[in-house]
Amino acid sequence: MIHDLKGWIHTVAAVAAMAFGAVVFLRPKGGPVHRFLGYAYSLCMLVLIATSFSIYRLTGGFNFLHGASIMSSIGVAFGFAHAFLRRPRNSWILRHFFFMSWSYIGLLAAFVAEISTRVAMPYVARRFGSGSLLPFWCIVALATAIVVAVGWRLVNQNRPPLSTA
């Protein structure tokens, strides 16, 4: 459930980043359309990450999800920087690909974890009680692991050769 304006901004940025990222993933790489969509994805991720640091409803304080936001910001920053600066000259495309791919996989993992907990948690709370967050964290871990495993396979199948500079 979205509780306030920052939650709405966070959600809209997440949905937009997922949409832009999907189009980037499915379209041919390089060129002005890829660049535009990449800028849009990066901007949405920046808003998403920034708003994530103002959301503490789950635990009341900084938690592992905020740590994931820090990791995501590093991935987006490095992926963007490699493409923007085109450095190192012999491997910037490969580095850009890996950083941006993993930032998108992280976004999808967060989405799947969020949706799976929203679907599963009402059942878990009725069955086991709502006092423990253990079922929540187990669902998050399982959903994340599945997305990361599928993402790892797709990244390795679609990685550009090192010689494309």
N, C-alpha and C. Protein backbone atom coordinates (compact mmCIF):
# COMPACT_ATOMS: atom_id res chain seq x y z
N MET A 1 0.85 -1.17 0.00
CA MET A 1 0.00 0.00 0.00
C MET A 1 0.90 1.24 0.00
N ILE A 2 0.55 2.22 -0.80
CA ILE A 2 1.31 3.46 -0.87
C ILE A 2 0.71 4.44 0.14
N HIS A 3 1.55 4.98 1.02
CA HIS A 3 1.06 5.75 2.15
C HIS A 3 1.20 7.26 2.01
N ASP A 4 2.05 7.74 1.13
CA ASP A 4 2.28 9.18 1.05
C ASP A 4 2.88 9.55 -0.31
N LEU A 5 3.17 10.82 -0.49
CA LEU A 5 3.70 11.31 -1.77
C LEU A 5 5.03 10.67 -2.12
N LYS A 6 5.92 10.53 -1.16
CA LYS A 6 7.22 9.93 -1.47
C LYS A 6 7.05 8.47 -1.90
N GLY A 7 6.06 7.78 -1.35
CA GLY A 7 5.76 6.42 -1.79
C GLY A 7 5.27 6.39 -3.23
N TRP A 8 4.42 7.36 -3.58
CA TRP A 8 3.95 7.44 -4.96
C TRP A 8 5.09 7.74 -5.92
N ILE A 9 5.94 8.69 -5.55
CA ILE A 9 7.09 9.04 -6.41
C ILE A 9 7.99 7.81 -6.56
N HIS A 10 8.24 7.13 -5.48
CA HIS A 10 9.08 5.92 -5.49
C HIS A 10 8.48 4.87 -6.43
N THR A 11 7.18 4.65 -6.31
CA THR A 11 6.50 3.64 -7.13
C THR A 11 6.49 4.02 -8.61
N VAL A 12 6.19 5.27 -8.91
CA VAL A 12 6.17 5.72 -10.31
C VAL A 12 7.56 5.59 -10.92
N ALA A 13 8.59 6.00 -10.16
CA ALA A 13 9.96 5.89 -10.66
C ALA A 13 10.33 4.42 -10.89
N ALA A 14 9.89 3.53 -10.01
CA ALA A 14 10.19 2.10 -10.16
C ALA A 14 9.53 1.53 -11.41
N VAL A 15 8.26 1.84 -11.61
CA VAL A 15 7.53 1.33 -12.78
C VAL A 15 8.15 1.89 -14.06
N ALA A 16 8.48 3.18 -14.07
CA ALA A 16 9.10 3.78 -15.25
C ALA A 16 10.47 3.17 -15.52
N ALA A 17 11.27 2.95 -14.48
CA ALA A 17 12.59 2.33 -14.66
C ALA A 17 12.45 0.92 -15.20
N MET A 18 11.47 0.17 -14.70
CA MET A 18 11.27 -1.19 -15.22
C MET A 18 10.87 -1.15 -16.70
N ALA A 19 10.02 -0.20 -17.06
CA ALA A 19 9.59 -0.09 -18.46
C ALA A 19 10.75 0.33 -19.36
N PHE A 20 11.46 1.38 -18.98
CA PHE A 20 12.60 1.82 -19.79
C PHE A 20 13.66 0.72 -19.87
N GLY A 21 13.94 0.06 -18.76
CA GLY A 21 14.93 -1.00 -18.74
C GLY A 21 14.53 -2.16 -19.64
N ALA A 22 13.26 -2.52 -19.64
CA ALA A 22 12.79 -3.61 -20.50
C ALA A 22 12.98 -3.26 -21.97
N VAL A 23 12.66 -2.03 -22.34
CA VAL A 23 12.81 -1.62 -23.73
C VAL A 23 14.29 -1.61 -24.12
N VAL A 24 15.14 -1.12 -23.23
CA VAL A 24 16.59 -1.13 -23.50
C VAL A 24 17.06 -2.57 -23.68
N PHE A 25 16.59 -3.47 -22.82
CA PHE A 25 17.00 -4.86 -22.89
C PHE A 25 16.56 -5.52 -24.20
N LEU A 26 15.35 -5.19 -24.67
CA LEU A 26 14.79 -5.86 -25.84
C LEU A 26 15.21 -5.25 -27.18
N ARG A 27 15.60 -3.99 -27.17
CA ARG A 27 15.97 -3.31 -28.42
C ARG A 27 17.45 -3.51 -28.74
N PRO A 28 17.81 -3.25 -30.01
CA PRO A 28 19.24 -3.28 -30.36
C PRO A 28 20.03 -2.25 -29.55
N LYS A 29 21.26 -2.59 -29.25
CA LYS A 29 22.09 -1.73 -28.42
C LYS A 29 22.81 -0.68 -29.28
N GLY A 30 23.12 0.45 -28.64
CA GLY A 30 23.82 1.53 -29.31
C GLY A 30 22.86 2.47 -30.01
N GLY A 31 23.34 3.64 -30.37
CA GLY A 31 22.55 4.60 -31.12
C GLY A 31 21.78 5.55 -30.23
N PRO A 32 21.12 6.53 -30.85
CA PRO A 32 20.45 7.58 -30.09
C PRO A 32 19.24 7.09 -29.28
N VAL A 33 18.49 6.10 -29.76
CA VAL A 33 17.33 5.61 -29.02
C VAL A 33 17.81 4.89 -27.75
N HIS A 34 18.83 4.06 -27.89
CA HIS A 34 19.40 3.37 -26.73
C HIS A 34 19.92 4.40 -25.72
N ARG A 35 20.59 5.40 -26.21
CA ARG A 35 21.14 6.44 -25.33
C ARG A 35 20.03 7.18 -24.59
N PHE A 36 18.97 7.58 -25.32
CA PHE A 36 17.85 8.28 -24.69
C PHE A 36 17.19 7.42 -23.62
N LEU A 37 16.91 6.17 -23.97
CA LEU A 37 16.27 5.26 -23.02
C LEU A 37 17.17 4.99 -21.82
N GLY A 38 18.47 4.92 -22.06
CA GLY A 38 19.42 4.73 -20.97
C GLY A 38 19.44 5.91 -20.02
N TYR A 39 19.39 7.13 -20.58
CA TYR A 39 19.32 8.32 -19.73
C TYR A 39 18.02 8.30 -18.92
N ALA A 40 16.91 7.94 -19.56
CA ALA A 40 15.62 7.89 -18.87
C ALA A 40 15.66 6.84 -17.75
N TYR A 41 16.21 5.67 -18.04
CA TYR A 41 16.34 4.62 -17.03
C TYR A 41 17.18 5.11 -15.86
N SER A 42 18.33 5.71 -16.16
CA SER A 42 19.24 6.19 -15.11
C SER A 42 18.58 7.26 -14.24
N LEU A 43 17.84 8.17 -14.86
CA LEU A 43 17.15 9.21 -14.10
C LEU A 43 16.08 8.61 -13.20
N CYS A 44 15.31 7.68 -13.73
CA CYS A 44 14.29 7.01 -12.92
C CYS A 44 14.93 6.26 -11.76
N MET A 45 16.04 5.60 -12.01
CA MET A 45 16.73 4.88 -10.95
C MET A 45 17.25 5.86 -9.89
N LEU A 46 17.75 7.00 -10.32
CA LEU A 46 18.23 8.00 -9.37
C LEU A 46 17.10 8.45 -8.45
N VAL A 47 15.92 8.73 -9.01
CA VAL A 47 14.76 9.13 -8.20
C VAL A 47 14.34 7.98 -7.29
N LEU A 48 14.29 6.77 -7.83
CA LEU A 48 13.90 5.59 -7.06
C LEU A 48 14.85 5.38 -5.87
N ILE A 49 16.13 5.44 -6.12
CA ILE A 49 17.11 5.23 -5.07
C ILE A 49 17.03 6.34 -4.02
N ALA A 50 16.93 7.59 -4.48
CA ALA A 50 16.86 8.72 -3.54
C ALA A 50 15.64 8.59 -2.63
N THR A 51 14.50 8.25 -3.19
CA THR A 51 13.29 8.13 -2.37
C THR A 51 13.35 6.92 -1.44
N SER A 52 14.10 5.89 -1.84
CA SER A 52 14.17 4.70 -0.99
C SER A 52 14.77 5.02 0.38
N PHE A 53 15.64 6.02 0.43
CA PHE A 53 16.29 6.37 1.69
C PHE A 53 15.38 7.15 2.63
N SER A 54 14.17 7.48 2.17
CA SER A 54 13.23 8.16 3.06
C SER A 54 12.08 7.24 3.47
N ILE A 55 12.19 5.96 3.13
CA ILE A 55 11.15 5.00 3.45
C ILE A 55 11.67 4.04 4.52
N TYR A 56 11.05 4.11 5.71
CA TYR A 56 11.47 3.29 6.84
C TYR A 56 10.29 2.54 7.46
N ARG A 57 9.19 2.43 6.74
CA ARG A 57 7.95 1.87 7.30
C ARG A 57 8.11 0.41 7.73
N LEU A 58 8.93 -0.35 7.03
CA LEU A 58 9.05 -1.78 7.30
C LEU A 58 9.65 -2.07 8.68
N THR A 59 10.80 -1.47 8.97
CA THR A 59 11.50 -1.79 10.22
C THR A 59 11.69 -0.58 11.13
N GLY A 60 11.34 0.61 10.65
CA GLY A 60 11.51 1.81 11.45
C GLY A 60 12.90 2.41 11.38
N GLY A 61 13.80 1.79 10.63
CA GLY A 61 15.16 2.30 10.50
C GLY A 61 15.84 1.74 9.28
N PHE A 62 17.12 2.06 9.16
CA PHE A 62 17.94 1.58 8.06
C PHE A 62 17.98 0.05 8.11
N ASN A 63 17.80 -0.60 6.94
CA ASN A 63 17.84 -2.05 6.91
C ASN A 63 18.53 -2.53 5.64
N PHE A 64 18.51 -3.84 5.44
CA PHE A 64 19.22 -4.42 4.30
C PHE A 64 18.70 -3.89 2.96
N LEU A 65 17.46 -3.50 2.89
CA LEU A 65 16.92 -2.96 1.64
C LEU A 65 17.57 -1.61 1.30
N HIS A 66 17.91 -0.84 2.32
CA HIS A 66 18.64 0.41 2.07
C HIS A 66 20.06 0.10 1.60
N GLY A 67 20.63 -0.98 2.13
CA GLY A 67 21.93 -1.44 1.63
C GLY A 67 21.86 -1.82 0.16
N ALA A 68 20.76 -2.46 -0.22
CA ALA A 68 20.57 -2.80 -1.64
C ALA A 68 20.46 -1.54 -2.48
N SER A 69 19.85 -0.49 -1.95
CA SER A 69 19.78 0.79 -2.67
C SER A 69 21.16 1.39 -2.88
N ILE A 70 22.02 1.25 -1.87
CA ILE A 70 23.40 1.74 -2.01
C ILE A 70 24.10 0.96 -3.13
N MET A 71 23.96 -0.36 -3.12
CA MET A 71 24.58 -1.19 -4.17
C MET A 71 24.02 -0.81 -5.55
N SER A 72 22.73 -0.58 -5.62
CA SER A 72 22.11 -0.20 -6.88
C SER A 72 22.64 1.13 -7.38
N SER A 73 22.82 2.08 -6.46
CA SER A 73 23.34 3.38 -6.88
C SER A 73 24.75 3.26 -7.42
N ILE A 74 25.55 2.38 -6.84
CA ILE A 74 26.91 2.16 -7.34
C ILE A 74 26.86 1.55 -8.74
N GLY A 75 25.99 0.56 -8.94
CA GLY A 75 25.86 -0.08 -10.25
C GLY A 75 25.42 0.89 -11.33
N VAL A 76 24.40 1.68 -11.03
CA VAL A 76 23.92 2.66 -12.03
C VAL A 76 24.99 3.70 -12.30
N ALA A 77 25.65 4.18 -11.25
CA ALA A 77 26.69 5.21 -11.43
C ALA A 77 27.84 4.70 -12.29
N PHE A 78 28.33 3.50 -11.99
CA PHE A 78 29.45 2.95 -12.77
C PHE A 78 29.00 2.61 -14.19
N GLY A 79 27.81 2.03 -14.34
CA GLY A 79 27.32 1.72 -15.69
C GLY A 79 27.16 2.96 -16.53
N PHE A 80 26.61 4.00 -15.95
CA PHE A 80 26.43 5.26 -16.66
C PHE A 80 27.80 5.87 -16.99
N ALA A 81 28.69 5.89 -16.01
CA ALA A 81 30.01 6.51 -16.21
C ALA A 81 30.79 5.82 -17.32
N HIS A 82 30.77 4.50 -17.37
CA HIS A 82 31.51 3.79 -18.42
C HIS A 82 30.98 4.16 -19.81
N ALA A 83 29.66 4.26 -19.95
CA ALA A 83 29.09 4.62 -21.26
C ALA A 83 29.34 6.08 -21.58
N PHE A 84 29.19 6.94 -20.60
CA PHE A 84 29.34 8.37 -20.83
C PHE A 84 30.79 8.73 -21.16
N LEU A 85 31.73 8.18 -20.41
CA LEU A 85 33.15 8.50 -20.59
C LEU A 85 33.84 7.62 -21.64
N ARG A 86 33.22 6.47 -21.93
CA ARG A 86 33.78 5.49 -22.86
C ARG A 86 35.19 5.07 -22.45
N ARG A 87 35.33 4.82 -21.15
CA ARG A 87 36.60 4.40 -20.57
C ARG A 87 36.36 3.20 -19.68
N PRO A 88 37.29 2.29 -19.54
CA PRO A 88 38.51 2.13 -20.33
C PRO A 88 38.18 1.79 -21.79
N ARG A 89 39.03 2.27 -22.64
CA ARG A 89 38.76 2.22 -24.07
C ARG A 89 38.46 0.82 -24.60
N ASN A 90 39.16 -0.18 -24.11
CA ASN A 90 38.99 -1.54 -24.64
C ASN A 90 37.86 -2.34 -23.99
N SER A 91 37.32 -1.85 -22.89
CA SER A 91 36.32 -2.68 -22.19
C SER A 91 35.12 -1.90 -21.66
N TRP A 92 34.94 -0.65 -22.07
CA TRP A 92 33.84 0.13 -21.50
C TRP A 92 32.47 -0.47 -21.82
N ILE A 93 32.31 -1.03 -23.02
CA ILE A 93 31.00 -1.59 -23.40
C ILE A 93 30.65 -2.77 -22.50
N LEU A 94 31.62 -3.64 -22.29
CA LEU A 94 31.38 -4.80 -21.43
C LEU A 94 31.08 -4.37 -20.00
N ARG A 95 31.83 -3.42 -19.48
CA ARG A 95 31.60 -2.94 -18.12
C ARG A 95 30.24 -2.24 -18.01
N HIS A 96 29.91 -1.41 -19.00
CA HIS A 96 28.60 -0.75 -19.03
C HIS A 96 27.49 -1.81 -19.02
N PHE A 97 27.64 -2.81 -19.87
CA PHE A 97 26.65 -3.88 -19.96
C PHE A 97 26.45 -4.58 -18.62
N PHE A 98 27.54 -4.97 -17.96
CA PHE A 98 27.41 -5.69 -16.70
C PHE A 98 26.80 -4.82 -15.60
N PHE A 99 27.29 -3.59 -15.44
CA PHE A 99 26.75 -2.74 -14.38
C PHE A 99 25.27 -2.44 -14.60
N MET A 100 24.90 -2.08 -15.83
CA MET A 100 23.50 -1.75 -16.09
C MET A 100 22.61 -2.99 -16.04
N SER A 101 23.11 -4.10 -16.54
CA SER A 101 22.32 -5.35 -16.47
C SER A 101 22.03 -5.72 -15.03
N TRP A 102 23.05 -5.65 -14.18
CA TRP A 102 22.84 -6.03 -12.79
C TRP A 102 22.01 -5.01 -12.03
N SER A 103 22.07 -3.74 -12.44
CA SER A 103 21.18 -2.77 -11.78
C SER A 103 19.73 -3.09 -12.14
N TYR A 104 19.50 -3.51 -13.38
CA TYR A 104 18.14 -3.86 -13.79
C TYR A 104 17.67 -5.15 -13.11
N ILE A 105 18.55 -6.13 -13.01
CA ILE A 105 18.20 -7.37 -12.32
C ILE A 105 17.86 -7.07 -10.85
N GLY A 106 18.63 -6.20 -10.23
CA GLY A 106 18.33 -5.81 -8.85
C GLY A 106 16.97 -5.15 -8.74
N LEU A 107 16.65 -4.30 -9.70
CA LEU A 107 15.33 -3.64 -9.72
C LEU A 107 14.22 -4.69 -9.84
N LEU A 108 14.39 -5.63 -10.76
CA LEU A 108 13.38 -6.67 -10.94
C LEU A 108 13.28 -7.57 -9.70
N ALA A 109 14.41 -7.87 -9.08
CA ALA A 109 14.39 -8.68 -7.86
C ALA A 109 13.61 -7.96 -6.76
N ALA A 110 13.84 -6.66 -6.62
CA ALA A 110 13.11 -5.88 -5.62
C ALA A 110 11.61 -5.88 -5.93
N PHE A 111 11.27 -5.75 -7.20
CA PHE A 111 9.86 -5.75 -7.60
C PHE A 111 9.21 -7.10 -7.29
N VAL A 112 9.86 -8.19 -7.67
CA VAL A 112 9.30 -9.52 -7.43
C VAL A 112 9.19 -9.79 -5.94
N ALA A 113 10.19 -9.38 -5.17
CA ALA A 113 10.12 -9.55 -3.71
C ALA A 113 8.96 -8.75 -3.13
N GLU A 114 8.79 -7.53 -3.59
CA GLU A 114 7.69 -6.68 -3.11
C GLU A 114 6.33 -7.29 -3.43
N ILE A 115 6.16 -7.69 -4.67
CA ILE A 115 4.87 -8.27 -5.08
C ILE A 115 4.62 -9.60 -4.36
N SER A 116 5.65 -10.44 -4.28
CA SER A 116 5.44 -11.74 -3.64
C SER A 116 5.09 -11.59 -2.16
N THR A 117 5.70 -10.62 -1.49
CA THR A 117 5.34 -10.43 -0.09
C THR A 117 3.94 -9.86 0.06
N ARG A 118 3.54 -8.99 -0.86
CA ARG A 118 2.18 -8.43 -0.77
C ARG A 118 1.13 -9.50 -1.03
N VAL A 119 1.47 -10.48 -1.86
CA VAL A 119 0.54 -11.57 -2.15
C VAL A 119 0.60 -12.62 -1.04
N ALA A 120 1.80 -12.98 -0.61
CA ALA A 120 1.96 -14.08 0.33
C ALA A 120 1.76 -13.68 1.79
N MET A 121 2.12 -12.47 2.16
CA MET A 121 2.09 -12.10 3.57
C MET A 121 0.71 -12.17 4.22
N PRO A 122 -0.37 -11.77 3.55
CA PRO A 122 -1.67 -11.94 4.21
C PRO A 122 -1.95 -13.40 4.58
N TYR A 123 -1.59 -14.33 3.68
CA TYR A 123 -1.76 -15.75 3.98
C TYR A 123 -0.86 -16.18 5.13
N VAL A 124 0.40 -15.78 5.07
CA VAL A 124 1.37 -16.16 6.11
C VAL A 124 0.93 -15.60 7.46
N ALA A 125 0.45 -14.35 7.48
CA ALA A 125 0.01 -13.73 8.75
C ALA A 125 -1.19 -14.48 9.34
N ARG A 126 -2.13 -14.90 8.48
CA ARG A 126 -3.28 -15.66 8.97
C ARG A 126 -2.85 -17.02 9.50
N ARG A 127 -1.92 -17.63 8.82
CA ARG A 127 -1.52 -19.00 9.16
C ARG A 127 -0.56 -19.06 10.35
N PHE A 128 0.41 -18.12 10.39
CA PHE A 128 1.47 -18.19 11.40
C PHE A 128 1.46 -17.03 12.39
N GLY A 129 0.58 -16.07 12.18
CA GLY A 129 0.57 -14.89 13.04
C GLY A 129 1.39 -13.76 12.43
N SER A 130 1.08 -12.56 12.82
CA SER A 130 1.74 -11.41 12.19
C SER A 130 2.87 -10.84 13.03
N GLY A 131 3.25 -11.52 14.12
CA GLY A 131 4.27 -10.99 15.01
C GLY A 131 5.69 -11.13 14.51
N SER A 132 5.94 -12.01 13.57
CA SER A 132 7.31 -12.28 13.14
C SER A 132 7.54 -11.79 11.72
N LEU A 133 8.70 -11.21 11.49
CA LEU A 133 9.09 -10.82 10.14
C LEU A 133 9.86 -11.93 9.43
N LEU A 134 10.12 -13.05 10.10
CA LEU A 134 10.87 -14.14 9.49
C LEU A 134 10.24 -14.63 8.19
N PRO A 135 8.92 -14.88 8.15
CA PRO A 135 8.33 -15.31 6.86
C PRO A 135 8.52 -14.26 5.76
N PHE A 136 8.42 -12.99 6.12
CA PHE A 136 8.64 -11.91 5.14
C PHE A 136 10.03 -12.02 4.55
N TRP A 137 11.05 -12.11 5.41
CA TRP A 137 12.44 -12.15 4.92
C TRP A 137 12.71 -13.42 4.12
N CYS A 138 12.08 -14.53 4.47
CA CYS A 138 12.24 -15.76 3.70
C CYS A 138 11.66 -15.61 2.30
N ILE A 139 10.50 -14.99 2.21
CA ILE A 139 9.86 -14.76 0.91
C ILE A 139 10.73 -13.81 0.07
N VAL A 140 11.23 -12.75 0.68
CA VAL A 140 12.10 -11.80 -0.03
C VAL A 140 13.34 -12.52 -0.54
N ALA A 141 13.96 -13.35 0.30
CA ALA A 141 15.18 -14.06 -0.09
C ALA A 141 14.92 -15.02 -1.24
N LEU A 142 13.84 -15.77 -1.17
CA LEU A 142 13.52 -16.73 -2.22
C LEU A 142 13.22 -16.01 -3.54
N ALA A 143 12.38 -15.00 -3.50
CA ALA A 143 12.04 -14.26 -4.72
C ALA A 143 13.29 -13.63 -5.33
N THR A 144 14.13 -13.05 -4.50
CA THR A 144 15.37 -12.43 -4.98
C THR A 144 16.28 -13.47 -5.61
N ALA A 145 16.44 -14.60 -4.96
CA ALA A 145 17.31 -15.65 -5.48
C ALA A 145 16.85 -16.15 -6.85
N ILE A 146 15.56 -16.30 -7.03
CA ILE A 146 15.04 -16.76 -8.32
C ILE A 146 15.34 -15.74 -9.42
N VAL A 147 15.05 -14.48 -9.14
CA VAL A 147 15.29 -13.44 -10.16
C VAL A 147 16.79 -13.33 -10.47
N VAL A 148 17.62 -13.38 -9.46
CA VAL A 148 19.07 -13.28 -9.68
C VAL A 148 19.57 -14.47 -10.50
N ALA A 149 19.08 -15.66 -10.23
CA ALA A 149 19.50 -16.84 -11.00
C ALA A 149 19.12 -16.72 -12.47
N VAL A 150 17.89 -16.30 -12.74
CA VAL A 150 17.45 -16.11 -14.12
C VAL A 150 18.26 -14.97 -14.76
N GLY A 151 18.45 -13.88 -14.03
CA GLY A 151 19.22 -12.75 -14.53
C GLY A 151 20.65 -13.13 -14.85
N TRP A 152 21.28 -13.90 -13.98
CA TRP A 152 22.65 -14.34 -14.21
C TRP A 152 22.76 -15.09 -15.53
N ARG A 153 21.78 -15.97 -15.78
CA ARG A 153 21.80 -16.73 -17.03
C ARG A 153 21.63 -15.81 -18.24
N LEU A 154 20.70 -14.87 -18.17
CA LEU A 154 20.48 -13.95 -19.29
C LEU A 154 21.68 -13.04 -19.53
N VAL A 155 22.29 -12.55 -18.46
CA VAL A 155 23.47 -11.70 -18.61
C VAL A 155 24.58 -12.47 -19.32
N ASN A 156 24.82 -13.69 -18.90
CA ASN A 156 25.89 -14.48 -19.51
C ASN A 156 25.57 -14.87 -20.95
N GLN A 157 24.31 -15.07 -21.26
CA GLN A 157 23.93 -15.40 -22.64
C GLN A 157 24.05 -14.20 -23.58
N ASN A 158 23.84 -13.00 -23.06
CA ASN A 158 23.76 -11.82 -23.91
C ASN A 158 24.95 -10.88 -23.80
N ARG A 159 25.97 -11.27 -23.05
CA ARG A 159 27.10 -10.36 -22.86
C ARG A 159 27.82 -10.09 -24.17
N PRO A 160 28.21 -8.85 -24.37
CA PRO A 160 28.94 -8.51 -25.59
C PRO A 160 30.38 -9.05 -25.50
N PRO A 161 30.99 -9.31 -26.64
CA PRO A 161 32.38 -9.77 -26.59
C PRO A 161 33.28 -8.64 -26.12
N LEU A 162 34.39 -8.98 -25.50
CA LEU A 162 35.32 -7.99 -24.97
C LEU A 162 35.90 -7.12 -26.07
N SER A 163 36.02 -7.65 -27.27
CA SER A 163 36.69 -6.91 -28.35
C SER A 163 35.86 -5.76 -28.91
N THR A 164 34.58 -5.61 -28.55
CA THR A 164 33.78 -4.50 -29.07
C THR A 164 34.10 -3.24 -28.29
N ALA A 165 34.90 -2.37 -28.85
CA ALA A 165 35.30 -1.15 -28.15
C ALA A 165 34.94 0.07 -28.92
